[in-house]
Amino acid sequence: MTKDKIKASHILVMHNESRDSRSNITKEKAKKSINQIYKNVLNGKTTFGDAAVKHSDCSSSEHGGDLGEFGRGMMVKSFEDVAFSLDINEVSEPFESEFGFHIVKREE
């Protein structure tokens, strides 16, 4: 059975080609950055929440990347597909949406 709503947090690194971008870094630099953040979270150099506060270009960074609860159809499809595919406490590999590069952590 699939849940209709989940809770998730994310880290967003925008680049100069992202939709609604406030960033002037290149797409290549943004990809390198999100990959390094992902490695640091996986190997325990930082927590997901701390990495979000420090590196995320989303306003949710103030809350450790917490997006709260959301249902299907509320996020862009590429983001939603990844978020809903994760197990609780699982962290996604970096992926791209029109807003930039993301890492998602499913909370519940």
PDB file of N, CA and C in Angstrom:
ATOM      1  N   MET A   1       0.837  -1.196   0.000  1.00  0.00           N
ATOM      2  CA  MET A   1       0.000   0.000   0.000  1.00  0.00           C
ATOM      3  C   MET A   1       0.879   1.257   0.000  1.00  0.00           C
ATOM      4  N   THR A   2       0.593   2.193  -0.844  1.00  0.00           N
ATOM      5  CA  THR A   2       1.365   3.424  -0.875  1.00  0.00           C
ATOM      6  C   THR A   2       0.654   4.487  -0.047  1.00  0.00           C
ATOM      7  N   LYS A   3       1.470   5.268   0.643  1.00  0.00           N
ATOM      8  CA  LYS A   3       0.904   6.344   1.445  1.00  0.00           C
ATOM      9  C   LYS A   3       0.516   7.520   0.556  1.00  0.00           C
ATOM     10  N   ASP A   4      -0.550   8.204   0.949  1.00  0.00           N
ATOM     11  CA  ASP A   4      -0.977   9.385   0.205  1.00  0.00           C
ATOM     12  C   ASP A   4      -0.129  10.602   0.546  1.00  0.00           C
ATOM     13  N   LYS A   5       0.369  10.633   1.785  1.00  0.00           N
ATOM     14  CA  LYS A   5       1.184  11.762   2.228  1.00  0.00           C
ATOM     15  C   LYS A   5       2.430  11.249   2.923  1.00  0.00           C
ATOM     16  N   ILE A   6       3.506  11.986   2.752  1.00  0.00           N
ATOM     17  CA  ILE A   6       4.757  11.662   3.434  1.00  0.00           C
ATOM     18  C   ILE A   6       5.340  12.941   4.018  1.00  0.00           C
ATOM     19  N   LYS A   7       6.319  12.776   4.892  1.00  0.00           N
ATOM     20  CA  LYS A   7       7.103  13.906   5.379  1.00  0.00           C
ATOM     21  C   LYS A   7       8.515  13.722   4.848  1.00  0.00           C
ATOM     22  N   ALA A   8       9.104  14.805   4.397  1.00  0.00           N
ATOM     23  CA  ALA A   8      10.455  14.718   3.854  1.00  0.00           C
ATOM     24  C   ALA A   8      11.193  16.029   4.068  1.00  0.00           C
ATOM     25  N   SER A   9      12.514  15.919   4.008  1.00  0.00           N
ATOM     26  CA  SER A   9      13.403  17.086   4.034  1.00  0.00           C
ATOM     27  C   SER A   9      14.233  17.035   2.767  1.00  0.00           C
ATOM     28  N   HIS A  10      14.765  18.181   2.374  1.00  0.00           N
ATOM     29  CA  HIS A  10      15.629  18.153   1.194  1.00  0.00           C
ATOM     30  C   HIS A  10      16.704  19.217   1.278  1.00  0.00           C
ATOM     31  N   ILE A  11      17.697  19.023   0.431  1.00  0.00           N
ATOM     32  CA  ILE A  11      18.767  19.988   0.220  1.00  0.00           C
ATOM     33  C   ILE A  11      18.703  20.335  -1.261  1.00  0.00           C
ATOM     34  N   LEU A  12      18.686  21.610  -1.559  1.00  0.00           N
ATOM     35  CA  LEU A  12      18.620  22.091  -2.943  1.00  0.00           C
ATOM     36  C   LEU A  12      19.839  22.946  -3.237  1.00  0.00           C
ATOM     37  N   VAL A  13      20.527  22.621  -4.328  1.00  0.00           N
ATOM     38  CA  VAL A  13      21.603  23.472  -4.819  1.00  0.00           C
ATOM     39  C   VAL A  13      21.183  23.967  -6.200  1.00  0.00           C
ATOM     40  N   MET A  14      20.896  25.261  -6.267  1.00  0.00           N
ATOM     41  CA  MET A  14      20.491  25.880  -7.530  1.00  0.00           C
ATOM     42  C   MET A  14      21.725  26.229  -8.359  1.00  0.00           C
ATOM     43  N   HIS A  15      21.492  26.473  -9.634  1.00  0.00           N
ATOM     44  CA  HIS A  15      22.559  26.951 -10.522  1.00  0.00           C
ATOM     45  C   HIS A  15      21.959  28.004 -11.452  1.00  0.00           C
ATOM     46  N   ASN A  16      22.792  28.584 -12.263  1.00  0.00           N
ATOM     47  CA  ASN A  16      22.344  29.715 -13.082  1.00  0.00           C
ATOM     48  C   ASN A  16      21.372  29.338 -14.191  1.00  0.00           C
ATOM     49  N   GLU A  17      21.110  28.053 -14.393  1.00  0.00           N
ATOM     50  CA  GLU A  17      20.104  27.627 -15.379  1.00  0.00           C
ATOM     51  C   GLU A  17      18.817  27.154 -14.699  1.00  0.00           C
ATOM     52  N   SER A  18      18.785  27.153 -13.352  1.00  0.00           N
ATOM     53  CA  SER A  18      17.610  26.669 -12.618  1.00  0.00           C
ATOM     54  C   SER A  18      16.428  27.615 -12.773  1.00  0.00           C
ATOM     55  N   ARG A  19      15.226  27.041 -12.672  1.00  0.00           N
ATOM     56  CA  ARG A  19      14.012  27.854 -12.683  1.00  0.00           C
ATOM     57  C   ARG A  19      13.972  28.707 -11.422  1.00  0.00           C
ATOM     58  N   ASP A  20      13.600  29.981 -11.546  1.00  0.00           N
ATOM     59  CA  ASP A  20      13.530  30.929 -10.422  1.00  0.00           C
ATOM     60  C   ASP A  20      14.848  31.024  -9.652  1.00  0.00           C
ATOM     61  N   SER A  21      15.954  30.853 -10.351  1.00  0.00           N
ATOM     62  CA  SER A  21      17.251  30.765  -9.680  1.00  0.00           C
ATOM     63  C   SER A  21      17.703  32.090  -9.069  1.00  0.00           C
ATOM     64  N   ARG A  22      18.262  31.967  -7.883  1.00  0.00           N
ATOM     65  CA  ARG A  22      18.932  33.082  -7.219  1.00  0.00           C
ATOM     66  C   ARG A  22      20.431  32.807  -7.172  1.00  0.00           C
ATOM     67  N   SER A  23      20.875  31.866  -7.989  1.00  0.00           N
ATOM     68  CA  SER A  23      22.269  31.427  -7.959  1.00  0.00           C
ATOM     69  C   SER A  23      22.983  31.851  -9.237  1.00  0.00           C
ATOM     70  N   ASN A  24      24.261  32.099  -9.109  1.00  0.00           N
ATOM     71  CA  ASN A  24      25.031  32.408 -10.314  1.00  0.00           C
ATOM     72  C   ASN A  24      26.124  31.372 -10.566  1.00  0.00           C
ATOM     73  N   ILE A  25      26.097  30.232  -9.832  1.00  0.00           N
ATOM     74  CA  ILE A  25      27.085  29.192 -10.101  1.00  0.00           C
ATOM     75  C   ILE A  25      26.638  28.359 -11.302  1.00  0.00           C
ATOM     76  N   THR A  26      27.596  27.726 -11.962  1.00  0.00           N
ATOM     77  CA  THR A  26      27.280  26.924 -13.141  1.00  0.00           C
ATOM     78  C   THR A  26      26.606  25.616 -12.728  1.00  0.00           C
ATOM     79  N   LYS A  27      25.950  25.015 -13.696  1.00  0.00           N
ATOM     80  CA  LYS A  27      25.294  23.728 -13.475  1.00  0.00           C
ATOM     81  C   LYS A  27      26.319  22.679 -13.029  1.00  0.00           C
ATOM     82  N   GLU A  28      27.481  22.693 -13.668  1.00  0.00           N
ATOM     83  CA  GLU A  28      28.547  21.733 -13.334  1.00  0.00           C
ATOM     84  C   GLU A  28      29.010  21.912 -11.881  1.00  0.00           C
ATOM     85  N   LYS A  29      29.180  23.159 -11.459  1.00  0.00           N
ATOM     86  CA  LYS A  29      29.617  23.428 -10.087  1.00  0.00           C
ATOM     87  C   LYS A  29      28.534  23.018  -9.077  1.00  0.00           C
ATOM     88  N   ALA A  30      27.277  23.256  -9.419  1.00  0.00           N
ATOM     89  CA  ALA A  30      26.168  22.856  -8.547  1.00  0.00           C
ATOM     90  C   ALA A  30      26.135  21.334  -8.390  1.00  0.00           C
ATOM     91  N   LYS A  31      26.367  20.614  -9.488  1.00  0.00           N
ATOM     92  CA  LYS A  31      26.369  19.147  -9.437  1.00  0.00           C
ATOM     93  C   LYS A  31      27.510  18.642  -8.559  1.00  0.00           C
ATOM     94  N   LYS A  32      28.683  19.224  -8.690  1.00  0.00           N
ATOM     95  CA  LYS A  32      29.825  18.834  -7.839  1.00  0.00           C
ATOM     96  C   LYS A  32      29.502  19.098  -6.378  1.00  0.00           C
ATOM     97  N   SER A  33      28.883  20.222  -6.111  1.00  0.00           N
ATOM     98  CA  SER A  33      28.538  20.608  -4.749  1.00  0.00           C
ATOM     99  C   SER A  33      27.548  19.628  -4.118  1.00  0.00           C
ATOM    100  N   ILE A  34      26.480  19.289  -4.835  1.00  0.00           N
ATOM    101  CA  ILE A  34      25.475  18.372  -4.278  1.00  0.00           C
ATOM    102  C   ILE A  34      26.076  16.984  -4.074  1.00  0.00           C
ATOM    103  N   ASN A  35      26.960  16.559  -4.967  1.00  0.00           N
ATOM    104  CA  ASN A  35      27.613  15.251  -4.805  1.00  0.00           C
ATOM    105  C   ASN A  35      28.506  15.224  -3.571  1.00  0.00           C
ATOM    106  N   GLN A  36      29.203  16.317  -3.296  1.00  0.00           N
ATOM    107  CA  GLN A  36      30.066  16.390  -2.110  1.00  0.00           C
ATOM    108  C   GLN A  36      29.218  16.412  -0.834  1.00  0.00           C
ATOM    109  N   ILE A  37      28.146  17.161  -0.846  1.00  0.00           N
ATOM    110  CA  ILE A  37      27.235  17.205   0.319  1.00  0.00           C
ATOM    111  C   ILE A  37      26.699  15.797   0.586  1.00  0.00           C
ATOM    112  N   TYR A  38      26.286  15.107  -0.472  1.00  0.00           N
ATOM    113  CA  TYR A  38      25.756  13.743  -0.357  1.00  0.00           C
ATOM    114  C   TYR A  38      26.786  12.819   0.285  1.00  0.00           C
ATOM    115  N   LYS A  39      28.036  12.893  -0.188  1.00  0.00           N
ATOM    116  CA  LYS A  39      29.106  12.054   0.381  1.00  0.00           C
ATOM    117  C   LYS A  39      29.297  12.359   1.861  1.00  0.00           C
ATOM    118  N   ASN A  40      29.307  13.633   2.214  1.00  0.00           N
ATOM    119  CA  ASN A  40      29.515  14.023   3.612  1.00  0.00           C
ATOM    120  C   ASN A  40      28.389  13.533   4.517  1.00  0.00           C
ATOM    121  N   VAL A  41      27.158  13.542   4.016  1.00  0.00           N
ATOM    122  CA  VAL A  41      26.017  13.037   4.795  1.00  0.00           C
ATOM    123  C   VAL A  41      26.141  11.520   4.950  1.00  0.00           C
ATOM    124  N   LEU A  42      26.441  10.820   3.850  1.00  0.00           N
ATOM    125  CA  LEU A  42      26.530   9.362   3.887  1.00  0.00           C
ATOM    126  C   LEU A  42      27.637   8.865   4.796  1.00  0.00           C
ATOM    127  N   ASN A  43      28.795   9.535   4.771  1.00  0.00           N
ATOM    128  CA  ASN A  43      29.903   9.034   5.587  1.00  0.00           C
ATOM    129  C   ASN A  43      29.923   9.620   6.991  1.00  0.00           C
ATOM    130  N   GLY A  44      28.864  10.356   7.351  1.00  0.00           N
ATOM    131  CA  GLY A  44      28.729  10.833   8.719  1.00  0.00           C
ATOM    132  C   GLY A  44      29.534  12.075   9.075  1.00  0.00           C
ATOM    133  N   LYS A  45      30.108  12.737   8.077  1.00  0.00           N
ATOM    134  CA  LYS A  45      30.850  13.977   8.355  1.00  0.00           C
ATOM    135  C   LYS A  45      29.909  15.100   8.782  1.00  0.00           C
ATOM    136  N   THR A  46      28.641  14.997   8.384  1.00  0.00           N
ATOM    137  CA  THR A  46      27.632  15.976   8.765  1.00  0.00           C
ATOM    138  C   THR A  46      26.272  15.288   8.799  1.00  0.00           C
ATOM    139  N   THR A  47      25.338  15.856   9.542  1.00  0.00           N
ATOM    140  CA  THR A  47      23.980  15.321   9.517  1.00  0.00           C
ATOM    141  C   THR A  47      23.240  15.940   8.338  1.00  0.00           C
ATOM    142  N   PHE A  48      22.156  15.309   7.938  1.00  0.00           N
ATOM    143  CA  PHE A  48      21.359  15.839   6.838  1.00  0.00           C
ATOM    144  C   PHE A  48      20.866  17.243   7.178  1.00  0.00           C
ATOM    145  N   GLY A  49      20.345  17.420   8.391  1.00  0.00           N
ATOM    146  CA  GLY A  49      19.822  18.718   8.813  1.00  0.00           C
ATOM    147  C   GLY A  49      20.866  19.812   8.813  1.00  0.00           C
ATOM    148  N   ASP A  50      22.062  19.493   9.334  1.00  0.00           N
ATOM    149  CA  ASP A  50      23.140  20.486   9.350  1.00  0.00           C
ATOM    150  C   ASP A  50      23.574  20.852   7.939  1.00  0.00           C
ATOM    151  N   ALA A  51      23.637  19.862   7.060  1.00  0.00           N
ATOM    152  CA  ALA A  51      24.022  20.127   5.667  1.00  0.00           C
ATOM    153  C   ALA A  51      22.987  21.014   4.991  1.00  0.00           C
ATOM    154  N   ALA A  52      21.704  20.785   5.303  1.00  0.00           N
ATOM    155  CA  ALA A  52      20.638  21.610   4.717  1.00  0.00           C
ATOM    156  C   ALA A  52      20.760  23.053   5.185  1.00  0.00           C
ATOM    157  N   VAL A  53      20.988  23.245   6.479  1.00  0.00           N
ATOM    158  CA  VAL A  53      21.128  24.600   7.021  1.00  0.00           C
ATOM    159  C   VAL A  53      22.293  25.321   6.344  1.00  0.00           C
ATOM    160  N   LYS A  54      23.376  24.622   6.156  1.00  0.00           N
ATOM    161  CA  LYS A  54      24.602  25.232   5.640  1.00  0.00           C
ATOM    162  C   LYS A  54      24.607  25.428   4.123  1.00  0.00           C
ATOM    163  N   HIS A  55      23.996  24.483   3.386  1.00  0.00           N
ATOM    164  CA  HIS A  55      24.190  24.465   1.931  1.00  0.00           C
ATOM    165  C   HIS A  55      22.947  24.645   1.072  1.00  0.00           C
ATOM    166  N   SER A  56      21.754  24.418   1.611  1.00  0.00           N
ATOM    167  CA  SER A  56      20.567  24.414   0.762  1.00  0.00           C
ATOM    168  C   SER A  56      20.151  25.818   0.333  1.00  0.00           C
ATOM    169  N   ASP A  57      19.748  25.935  -0.939  1.00  0.00           N
ATOM    170  CA  ASP A  57      19.254  27.202  -1.486  1.00  0.00           C
ATOM    171  C   ASP A  57      17.747  27.347  -1.325  1.00  0.00           C
ATOM    172  N   CYS A  58      17.124  26.466  -0.556  1.00  0.00           N
ATOM    173  CA  CYS A  58      15.685  26.532  -0.322  1.00  0.00           C
ATOM    174  C   CYS A  58      15.423  27.193   1.027  1.00  0.00           C
ATOM    175  N   SER A  59      14.310  27.910   1.130  1.00  0.00           N
ATOM    176  CA  SER A  59      13.969  28.554   2.409  1.00  0.00           C
ATOM    177  C   SER A  59      13.771  27.531   3.524  1.00  0.00           C
ATOM    178  N   SER A  60      13.521  26.264   3.164  1.00  0.00           N
ATOM    179  CA  SER A  60      13.385  25.211   4.177  1.00  0.00           C
ATOM    180  C   SER A  60      14.698  24.957   4.914  1.00  0.00           C
ATOM    181  N   SER A  61      15.803  25.501   4.404  1.00  0.00           N
ATOM    182  CA  SER A  61      17.102  25.289   5.052  1.00  0.00           C
ATOM    183  C   SER A  61      17.101  25.779   6.496  1.00  0.00           C
ATOM    184  N   GLU A  62      16.312  26.808   6.776  1.00  0.00           N
ATOM    185  CA  GLU A  62      16.235  27.331   8.143  1.00  0.00           C
ATOM    186  C   GLU A  62      15.719  26.292   9.123  1.00  0.00           C
ATOM    187  N   HIS A  63      15.031  25.279   8.598  1.00  0.00           N
ATOM    188  CA  HIS A  63      14.448  24.223   9.428  1.00  0.00           C
ATOM    189  C   HIS A  63      15.096  22.871   9.115  1.00  0.00           C
ATOM    190  N   GLY A  64      16.369  22.893   8.742  1.00  0.00           N
ATOM    191  CA  GLY A  64      17.081  21.657   8.439  1.00  0.00           C
ATOM    192  C   GLY A  64      16.586  20.967   7.190  1.00  0.00           C
ATOM    193  N   GLY A  65      15.965  21.734   6.296  1.00  0.00           N
ATOM    194  CA  GLY A  65      15.470  21.182   5.040  1.00  0.00           C
ATOM    195  C   GLY A  65      14.069  20.613   5.130  1.00  0.00           C
ATOM    196  N   ASP A  66      13.439  20.730   6.301  1.00  0.00           N
ATOM    197  CA  ASP A  66      12.121  20.129   6.533  1.00  0.00           C
ATOM    198  C   ASP A  66      11.059  20.750   5.634  1.00  0.00           C
ATOM    199  N   LEU A  67      10.429  19.918   4.821  1.00  0.00           N
ATOM    200  CA  LEU A  67       9.341  20.364   3.941  1.00  0.00           C
ATOM    201  C   LEU A  67       7.976  20.070   4.544  1.00  0.00           C
ATOM    202  N   GLY A  68       7.958  19.406   5.687  1.00  0.00           N
ATOM    203  CA  GLY A  68       6.700  19.034   6.307  1.00  0.00           C
ATOM    204  C   GLY A  68       6.033  17.908   5.545  1.00  0.00           C
ATOM    205  N   GLU A  69       4.729  17.805   5.716  1.00  0.00           N
ATOM    206  CA  GLU A  69       3.966  16.740   5.078  1.00  0.00           C
ATOM    207  C   GLU A  69       3.406  17.241   3.748  1.00  0.00           C
ATOM    208  N   PHE A  70       3.462  16.390   2.750  1.00  0.00           N
ATOM    209  CA  PHE A  70       2.882  16.753   1.457  1.00  0.00           C
ATOM    210  C   PHE A  70       2.349  15.504   0.773  1.00  0.00           C
ATOM    211  N   GLY A  71       1.394  15.729  -0.106  1.00  0.00           N
ATOM    212  CA  GLY A  71       0.782  14.630  -0.839  1.00  0.00           C
ATOM    213  C   GLY A  71       1.224  14.620  -2.283  1.00  0.00           C
ATOM    214  N   ARG A  72       0.775  13.612  -2.971  1.00  0.00           N
ATOM    215  CA  ARG A  72       1.090  13.515  -4.405  1.00  0.00           C
ATOM    216  C   ARG A  72       0.475  14.705  -5.150  1.00  0.00           C
ATOM    217  N   GLY A  73       1.198  15.209  -6.135  1.00  0.00           N
ATOM    218  CA  GLY A  73       0.709  16.317  -6.930  1.00  0.00           C
ATOM    219  C   GLY A  73       1.059  17.688  -6.373  1.00  0.00           C
ATOM    220  N   MET A  74       1.733  17.730  -5.217  1.00  0.00           N
ATOM    221  CA  MET A  74       2.085  19.017  -4.605  1.00  0.00           C
ATOM    222  C   MET A  74       3.495  19.481  -4.974  1.00  0.00           C
ATOM    223  N   MET A  75       4.330  18.556  -5.412  1.00  0.00           N
ATOM    224  CA  MET A  75       5.712  18.873  -5.776  1.00  0.00           C
ATOM    225  C   MET A  75       5.903  18.563  -7.265  1.00  0.00           C
ATOM    226  N   VAL A  76       7.001  19.059  -7.841  1.00  0.00           N
ATOM    227  CA  VAL A  76       7.272  18.712  -9.237  1.00  0.00           C
ATOM    228  C   VAL A  76       7.459  17.198  -9.333  1.00  0.00           C
ATOM    229  N   LYS A  77       7.088  16.627 -10.474  1.00  0.00           N
ATOM    230  CA  LYS A  77       7.045  15.168 -10.618  1.00  0.00           C
ATOM    231  C   LYS A  77       8.379  14.496 -10.310  1.00  0.00           C
ATOM    232  N   SER A  78       9.482  15.031 -10.796  1.00  0.00           N
ATOM    233  CA  SER A  78      10.784  14.386 -10.564  1.00  0.00           C
ATOM    234  C   SER A  78      11.085  14.309  -9.063  1.00  0.00           C
ATOM    235  N   PHE A  79      10.735  15.348  -8.321  1.00  0.00           N
ATOM    236  CA  PHE A  79      10.948  15.378  -6.877  1.00  0.00           C
ATOM    237  C   PHE A  79      10.019  14.381  -6.185  1.00  0.00           C
ATOM    238  N   GLU A  80       8.761  14.437  -6.551  1.00  0.00           N
ATOM    239  CA  GLU A  80       7.755  13.555  -5.956  1.00  0.00           C
ATOM    240  C   GLU A  80       8.091  12.082  -6.183  1.00  0.00           C
ATOM    241  N   ASP A  81       8.491  11.733  -7.401  1.00  0.00           N
ATOM    242  CA  ASP A  81       8.820  10.343  -7.715  1.00  0.00           C
ATOM    243  C   ASP A  81       9.917   9.817  -6.791  1.00  0.00           C
ATOM    244  N   VAL A  82      10.948  10.613  -6.572  1.00  0.00           N
ATOM    245  CA  VAL A  82      12.044  10.189  -5.694  1.00  0.00           C
ATOM    246  C   VAL A  82      11.568  10.130  -4.244  1.00  0.00           C
ATOM    247  N   ALA A  83      10.925  11.172  -3.768  1.00  0.00           N
ATOM    248  CA  ALA A  83      10.513  11.237  -2.360  1.00  0.00           C
ATOM    249  C   ALA A  83       9.601  10.070  -1.981  1.00  0.00           C
ATOM    250  N   PHE A  84       8.633   9.769  -2.825  1.00  0.00           N
ATOM    251  CA  PHE A  84       7.687   8.694  -2.518  1.00  0.00           C
ATOM    252  C   PHE A  84       8.302   7.296  -2.688  1.00  0.00           C
ATOM    253  N   SER A  85       9.453   7.200  -3.345  1.00  0.00           N
ATOM    254  CA  SER A  85      10.093   5.893  -3.533  1.00  0.00           C
ATOM    255  C   SER A  85      10.992   5.507  -2.357  1.00  0.00           C
ATOM    256  N   LEU A  86      11.283   6.457  -1.478  1.00  0.00           N
ATOM    257  CA  LEU A  86      12.217   6.204  -0.376  1.00  0.00           C
ATOM    258  C   LEU A  86      11.543   5.511   0.798  1.00  0.00           C
ATOM    259  N   ASP A  87      12.348   4.743   1.542  1.00  0.00           N
ATOM    260  CA  ASP A  87      11.906   4.206   2.824  1.00  0.00           C
ATOM    261  C   ASP A  87      12.123   5.276   3.882  1.00  0.00           C
ATOM    262  N   ILE A  88      11.458   5.140   5.022  1.00  0.00           N
ATOM    263  CA  ILE A  88      11.626   6.109   6.109  1.00  0.00           C
ATOM    264  C   ILE A  88      13.099   6.152   6.532  1.00  0.00           C
ATOM    265  N   ASN A  89      13.617   7.376   6.692  1.00  0.00           N
ATOM    266  CA  ASN A  89      15.015   7.671   7.045  1.00  0.00           C
ATOM    267  C   ASN A  89      16.010   7.397   5.921  1.00  0.00           C
ATOM    268  N   GLU A  90      15.529   7.026   4.756  1.00  0.00           N
ATOM    269  CA  GLU A  90      16.421   6.814   3.617  1.00  0.00           C
ATOM    270  C   GLU A  90      16.721   8.151   2.950  1.00  0.00           C
ATOM    271  N   VAL A  91      17.970   8.296   2.498  1.00  0.00           N
ATOM    272  CA  VAL A  91      18.413   9.501   1.796  1.00  0.00           C
ATOM    273  C   VAL A  91      18.614   9.147   0.332  1.00  0.00           C
ATOM    274  N   SER A  92      18.044   9.974  -0.551  1.00  0.00           N
ATOM    275  CA  SER A  92      18.170   9.719  -1.995  1.00  0.00           C
ATOM    276  C   SER A  92      19.559  10.065  -2.492  1.00  0.00           C
ATOM    277  N   GLU A  93      19.901   9.504  -3.617  1.00  0.00           N
ATOM    278  CA  GLU A  93      21.082   9.973  -4.340  1.00  0.00           C
ATOM    279  C   GLU A  93      20.720  11.334  -4.935  1.00  0.00           C
ATOM    280  N   PRO A  94      21.712  12.152  -5.251  1.00  0.00           N
ATOM    281  CA  PRO A  94      21.419  13.448  -5.877  1.00  0.00           C
ATOM    282  C   PRO A  94      20.672  13.260  -7.196  1.00  0.00           C
ATOM    283  N   PHE A  95      19.721  14.164  -7.451  1.00  0.00           N
ATOM    284  CA  PHE A  95      18.972  14.141  -8.714  1.00  0.00           C
ATOM    285  C   PHE A  95      18.633  15.569  -9.084  1.00  0.00           C
ATOM    286  N   GLU A  96      18.198  15.741 -10.336  1.00  0.00           N
ATOM    287  CA  GLU A  96      17.946  17.081 -10.850  1.00  0.00           C
ATOM    288  C   GLU A  96      16.464  17.300 -11.127  1.00  0.00           C
ATOM    289  N   SER A  97      16.008  18.505 -10.813  1.00  0.00           N
ATOM    290  CA  SER A  97      14.691  18.975 -11.242  1.00  0.00           C
ATOM    291  C   SER A  97      14.928  20.318 -11.929  1.00  0.00           C
ATOM    292  N   GLU A  98      13.853  20.941 -12.371  1.00  0.00           N
ATOM    293  CA  GLU A  98      14.054  22.255 -13.019  1.00  0.00           C
ATOM    294  C   GLU A  98      14.549  23.316 -12.042  1.00  0.00           C
ATOM    295  N   PHE A  99      14.484  23.028 -10.735  1.00  0.00           N
ATOM    296  CA  PHE A  99      14.925  23.997  -9.732  1.00  0.00           C
ATOM    297  C   PHE A  99      16.393  23.842  -9.348  1.00  0.00           C
ATOM    298  N   GLY A 100      17.024  22.765  -9.792  1.00  0.00           N
ATOM    299  CA  GLY A 100      18.423  22.524  -9.454  1.00  0.00           C
ATOM    300  C   GLY A 100      18.626  21.080  -9.040  1.00  0.00           C
ATOM    301  N   PHE A 101      19.647  20.846  -8.218  1.00  0.00           N
ATOM    302  CA  PHE A 101      19.973  19.497  -7.760  1.00  0.00           C
ATOM    303  C   PHE A 101      19.495  19.311  -6.330  1.00  0.00           C
ATOM    304  N   HIS A 102      18.911  18.146  -6.068  1.00  0.00           N
ATOM    305  CA  HIS A 102      18.342  17.846  -4.759  1.00  0.00           C
ATOM    306  C   HIS A 102      18.935  16.577  -4.158  1.00  0.00           C
ATOM    307  N   ILE A 103      18.843  16.507  -2.838  1.00  0.00           N
ATOM    308  CA  ILE A 103      18.943  15.262  -2.083  1.00  0.00           C
ATOM    309  C   ILE A 103      17.719  15.287  -1.181  1.00  0.00           C
ATOM    310  N   VAL A 104      17.008  14.176  -1.105  1.00  0.00           N
ATOM    311  CA  VAL A 104      15.790  14.099  -0.286  1.00  0.00           C
ATOM    312  C   VAL A 104      15.981  13.054   0.802  1.00  0.00           C
ATOM    313  N   LYS A 105      15.470  13.370   1.973  1.00  0.00           N
ATOM    314  CA  LYS A 105      15.419  12.396   3.070  1.00  0.00           C
ATOM    315  C   LYS A 105      13.959  12.212   3.463  1.00  0.00           C
ATOM    316  N   ARG A 106      13.490  10.986   3.402  1.00  0.00           N
ATOM    317  CA  ARG A 106      12.113  10.674   3.805  1.00  0.00           C
ATOM    318  C   ARG A 106      12.071  10.597   5.325  1.00  0.00           C
ATOM    319  N   GLU A 107      11.187  11.347   5.927  1.00  0.00           N
ATOM    320  CA  GLU A 107      11.077  11.383   7.390  1.00  0.00           C
ATOM    321  C   GLU A 107      10.037  10.389   7.898  1.00  0.00           C
ATOM    322  N   GLU A 108       8.856  10.365   7.278  1.00  0.00           N
ATOM    323  CA  GLU A 108       7.827   9.381   7.645  1.00  0.00           C
ATOM    324  C   GLU A 108       6.831   9.216   6.523  1.00  0.00           C
TER     325      GLU A 108
END
